[in-house]
Amino acid sequence: MSENIQDIDYQWFLENYSELFAKHGVSYLAIKNKTILGVYESYADGVRSVSNKEKPGTFIVQNCNGNESAYTNYIASTNFFKQ
């Protein structure tokens, strides 16, 4: 079974967490294809903003707060949209 793009982006986030936190500080990062799409003050702001440009379910918004609570799990952007 192959990984989906959200799993790949989450793994990229984990592997680069220290650098991302050093660059962006406490924030919510919208990520797609191992690229930061935007930096936001809240999860909701990130989902709303990126959903205007990207299809829900094709990106993640991840908390970046400097400790492991930020990466113990992630919520896929599709979880907030009924299909």
N, C-alpha and C. Protein backbone atom coordinates (compact mmCIF):
# COMPACT_ATOMS: atom_id res chain seq x y z
N MET A 1 0.84 -1.18 0.00
CA MET A 1 0.00 0.00 0.00
C MET A 1 0.88 1.25 0.00
N SER A 2 0.64 2.14 -0.91
CA SER A 2 1.49 3.32 -1.02
C SER A 2 0.99 4.43 -0.09
N GLU A 3 1.91 5.31 0.28
CA GLU A 3 1.57 6.44 1.14
C GLU A 3 0.80 7.47 0.33
N ASN A 4 -0.13 8.15 0.99
CA ASN A 4 -0.80 9.25 0.30
C ASN A 4 0.02 10.52 0.49
N ILE A 5 -0.29 11.53 -0.27
CA ILE A 5 0.50 12.76 -0.25
C ILE A 5 0.47 13.43 1.12
N GLN A 6 -0.65 13.33 1.84
CA GLN A 6 -0.71 13.93 3.17
C GLN A 6 0.26 13.25 4.12
N ASP A 7 0.38 11.93 4.03
CA ASP A 7 1.35 11.22 4.87
C ASP A 7 2.77 11.63 4.52
N ILE A 8 3.03 11.80 3.25
CA ILE A 8 4.36 12.21 2.79
C ILE A 8 4.67 13.63 3.30
N ASP A 9 3.69 14.52 3.20
CA ASP A 9 3.90 15.89 3.68
C ASP A 9 4.09 15.92 5.19
N TYR A 10 3.35 15.09 5.91
CA TYR A 10 3.50 15.03 7.37
C TYR A 10 4.89 14.52 7.74
N GLN A 11 5.36 13.51 7.04
CA GLN A 11 6.71 12.98 7.29
C GLN A 11 7.76 14.05 7.00
N TRP A 12 7.57 14.81 5.93
CA TRP A 12 8.49 15.90 5.59
C TRP A 12 8.49 16.94 6.71
N PHE A 13 7.30 17.27 7.23
CA PHE A 13 7.19 18.20 8.34
C PHE A 13 7.99 17.71 9.54
N LEU A 14 7.83 16.43 9.88
CA LEU A 14 8.56 15.86 11.01
C LEU A 14 10.07 15.94 10.81
N GLU A 15 10.51 15.58 9.63
CA GLU A 15 11.94 15.55 9.33
C GLU A 15 12.56 16.95 9.35
N ASN A 16 11.76 17.97 9.08
CA ASN A 16 12.26 19.34 8.99
C ASN A 16 11.75 20.23 10.12
N TYR A 17 11.19 19.63 11.15
CA TYR A 17 10.51 20.38 12.20
C TYR A 17 11.39 21.45 12.84
N SER A 18 12.58 21.11 13.22
CA SER A 18 13.47 22.08 13.88
C SER A 18 13.73 23.29 13.00
N GLU A 19 14.00 23.06 11.73
CA GLU A 19 14.26 24.16 10.80
C GLU A 19 13.00 24.99 10.56
N LEU A 20 11.86 24.31 10.44
CA LEU A 20 10.60 25.03 10.21
C LEU A 20 10.25 25.90 11.41
N PHE A 21 10.45 25.37 12.62
CA PHE A 21 10.17 26.16 13.81
C PHE A 21 11.13 27.34 13.91
N ALA A 22 12.40 27.11 13.62
CA ALA A 22 13.38 28.20 13.67
C ALA A 22 13.02 29.32 12.70
N LYS A 23 12.49 28.95 11.55
CA LYS A 23 12.15 29.94 10.52
C LYS A 23 10.80 30.62 10.78
N HIS A 24 9.79 29.84 11.20
CA HIS A 24 8.43 30.37 11.27
C HIS A 24 7.91 30.59 12.69
N GLY A 25 8.60 30.06 13.69
CA GLY A 25 8.16 30.23 15.07
C GLY A 25 6.83 29.53 15.32
N VAL A 26 6.16 29.95 16.38
CA VAL A 26 4.87 29.37 16.73
C VAL A 26 3.86 29.79 15.67
N SER A 27 3.34 28.80 14.97
CA SER A 27 2.44 29.07 13.85
C SER A 27 1.75 27.79 13.41
N TYR A 28 0.90 27.94 12.42
CA TYR A 28 0.29 26.79 11.73
C TYR A 28 0.75 26.86 10.29
N LEU A 29 1.34 25.78 9.83
CA LEU A 29 1.92 25.74 8.49
C LEU A 29 1.03 24.93 7.56
N ALA A 30 0.66 25.52 6.45
CA ALA A 30 -0.06 24.80 5.41
C ALA A 30 0.99 24.21 4.48
N ILE A 31 0.90 22.89 4.26
CA ILE A 31 1.94 22.18 3.52
C ILE A 31 1.30 21.34 2.43
N LYS A 32 1.91 21.40 1.25
CA LYS A 32 1.52 20.55 0.13
C LYS A 32 2.76 20.26 -0.70
N ASN A 33 2.94 19.01 -1.04
CA ASN A 33 4.08 18.60 -1.87
C ASN A 33 5.41 19.08 -1.28
N LYS A 34 5.53 18.93 0.05
CA LYS A 34 6.76 19.30 0.76
C LYS A 34 7.11 20.78 0.60
N THR A 35 6.07 21.59 0.46
CA THR A 35 6.23 23.03 0.28
C THR A 35 5.30 23.76 1.25
N ILE A 36 5.80 24.83 1.86
CA ILE A 36 4.98 25.65 2.73
C ILE A 36 4.12 26.56 1.85
N LEU A 37 2.80 26.39 1.95
CA LEU A 37 1.87 27.23 1.18
C LEU A 37 1.55 28.53 1.91
N GLY A 38 1.65 28.50 3.23
CA GLY A 38 1.35 29.69 4.01
C GLY A 38 1.60 29.44 5.49
N VAL A 39 1.71 30.52 6.23
CA VAL A 39 1.94 30.49 7.67
C VAL A 39 0.79 31.26 8.32
N TYR A 40 0.12 30.63 9.29
CA TYR A 40 -1.10 31.18 9.84
C TYR A 40 -1.09 31.20 11.36
N GLU A 41 -1.98 32.02 11.94
CA GLU A 41 -2.08 32.12 13.39
C GLU A 41 -2.96 31.03 13.98
N SER A 42 -3.84 30.42 13.17
CA SER A 42 -4.70 29.35 13.67
C SER A 42 -4.89 28.30 12.59
N TYR A 43 -5.29 27.12 13.05
CA TYR A 43 -5.57 26.03 12.11
C TYR A 43 -6.69 26.44 11.16
N ALA A 44 -7.75 27.02 11.71
CA ALA A 44 -8.90 27.42 10.90
C ALA A 44 -8.50 28.44 9.83
N ASP A 45 -7.67 29.41 10.19
CA ASP A 45 -7.20 30.40 9.20
C ASP A 45 -6.47 29.72 8.06
N GLY A 46 -5.63 28.75 8.40
CA GLY A 46 -4.88 28.04 7.37
C GLY A 46 -5.78 27.25 6.44
N VAL A 47 -6.72 26.51 7.00
CA VAL A 47 -7.64 25.72 6.18
C VAL A 47 -8.48 26.62 5.29
N ARG A 48 -9.05 27.68 5.87
CA ARG A 48 -9.89 28.60 5.08
C ARG A 48 -9.11 29.23 3.94
N SER A 49 -7.95 29.75 4.25
CA SER A 49 -7.16 30.46 3.25
C SER A 49 -6.70 29.53 2.12
N VAL A 50 -6.14 28.41 2.48
CA VAL A 50 -5.59 27.51 1.46
C VAL A 50 -6.71 26.84 0.66
N SER A 51 -7.86 26.61 1.29
CA SER A 51 -8.98 25.99 0.57
C SER A 51 -9.52 26.86 -0.56
N ASN A 52 -9.20 28.14 -0.52
CA ASN A 52 -9.59 29.02 -1.62
C ASN A 52 -8.74 28.80 -2.86
N LYS A 53 -7.58 28.17 -2.67
CA LYS A 53 -6.64 27.98 -3.78
C LYS A 53 -6.39 26.51 -4.11
N GLU A 54 -6.49 25.66 -3.09
CA GLU A 54 -6.17 24.24 -3.24
C GLU A 54 -7.39 23.40 -2.87
N LYS A 55 -7.51 22.25 -3.48
CA LYS A 55 -8.62 21.36 -3.19
C LYS A 55 -8.45 20.76 -1.79
N PRO A 56 -9.51 20.83 -0.97
CA PRO A 56 -9.43 20.19 0.36
C PRO A 56 -9.03 18.72 0.22
N GLY A 57 -8.18 18.29 1.11
CA GLY A 57 -7.69 16.92 1.07
C GLY A 57 -6.37 16.78 0.35
N THR A 58 -5.87 17.87 -0.24
CA THR A 58 -4.60 17.82 -0.96
C THR A 58 -3.47 18.48 -0.18
N PHE A 59 -3.77 18.97 1.02
CA PHE A 59 -2.77 19.65 1.83
C PHE A 59 -3.03 19.35 3.31
N ILE A 60 -2.04 19.67 4.14
CA ILE A 60 -2.22 19.58 5.59
C ILE A 60 -1.93 20.95 6.19
N VAL A 61 -2.51 21.19 7.35
CA VAL A 61 -2.17 22.37 8.14
C VAL A 61 -1.68 21.83 9.47
N GLN A 62 -0.43 22.14 9.78
CA GLN A 62 0.22 21.53 10.94
C GLN A 62 0.66 22.58 11.94
N ASN A 63 0.37 22.32 13.21
CA ASN A 63 0.82 23.18 14.29
C ASN A 63 2.35 23.09 14.41
N CYS A 64 2.98 24.23 14.57
CA CYS A 64 4.43 24.29 14.76
C CYS A 64 4.65 25.15 16.00
N ASN A 65 4.92 24.50 17.15
CA ASN A 65 5.00 25.25 18.40
C ASN A 65 6.29 25.04 19.18
N GLY A 66 7.23 24.31 18.63
CA GLY A 66 8.51 24.14 19.29
C GLY A 66 8.62 22.93 20.19
N ASN A 67 7.53 22.18 20.38
CA ASN A 67 7.64 20.96 21.19
C ASN A 67 6.87 19.82 20.52
N GLU A 68 7.00 18.64 21.08
CA GLU A 68 6.46 17.45 20.42
C GLU A 68 4.94 17.41 20.36
N SER A 69 4.24 18.21 21.14
CA SER A 69 2.78 18.21 21.05
C SER A 69 2.31 18.65 19.66
N ALA A 70 3.15 19.37 18.94
CA ALA A 70 2.78 19.83 17.61
C ALA A 70 2.78 18.71 16.58
N TYR A 71 3.50 17.65 16.84
CA TYR A 71 3.59 16.61 15.81
C TYR A 71 3.20 15.22 16.29
N THR A 72 2.41 15.15 17.33
CA THR A 72 1.96 13.82 17.75
C THR A 72 0.85 13.30 16.85
N ASN A 73 0.20 14.19 16.09
CA ASN A 73 -0.78 13.77 15.09
C ASN A 73 -1.06 14.93 14.15
N TYR A 74 -1.78 14.65 13.11
CA TYR A 74 -2.22 15.72 12.22
C TYR A 74 -3.65 15.46 11.80
N ILE A 75 -4.30 16.52 11.38
CA ILE A 75 -5.68 16.44 10.92
C ILE A 75 -5.68 16.80 9.45
N ALA A 76 -6.16 15.88 8.63
CA ALA A 76 -6.21 16.13 7.20
C ALA A 76 -7.25 17.19 6.90
N SER A 77 -7.00 18.01 5.90
CA SER A 77 -7.93 19.07 5.55
C SER A 77 -9.29 18.54 5.12
N THR A 78 -9.37 17.30 4.68
CA THR A 78 -10.66 16.74 4.27
C THR A 78 -11.57 16.50 5.46
N ASN A 79 -11.04 16.43 6.66
CA ASN A 79 -11.86 16.15 7.83
C ASN A 79 -12.83 17.27 8.16
N PHE A 80 -12.69 18.42 7.55
CA PHE A 80 -13.55 19.57 7.85
C PHE A 80 -14.55 19.87 6.74
N PHE A 81 -14.64 19.00 5.77
CA PHE A 81 -15.54 19.22 4.65
C PHE A 81 -16.38 17.98 4.42
N LYS A 82 -17.68 18.16 4.33
CA LYS A 82 -18.54 17.03 4.02
C LYS A 82 -18.50 16.78 2.53
N GLN A 83 -18.48 15.53 2.18
CA GLN A 83 -18.41 15.19 0.75
C GLN A 83 -19.66 14.49 0.31
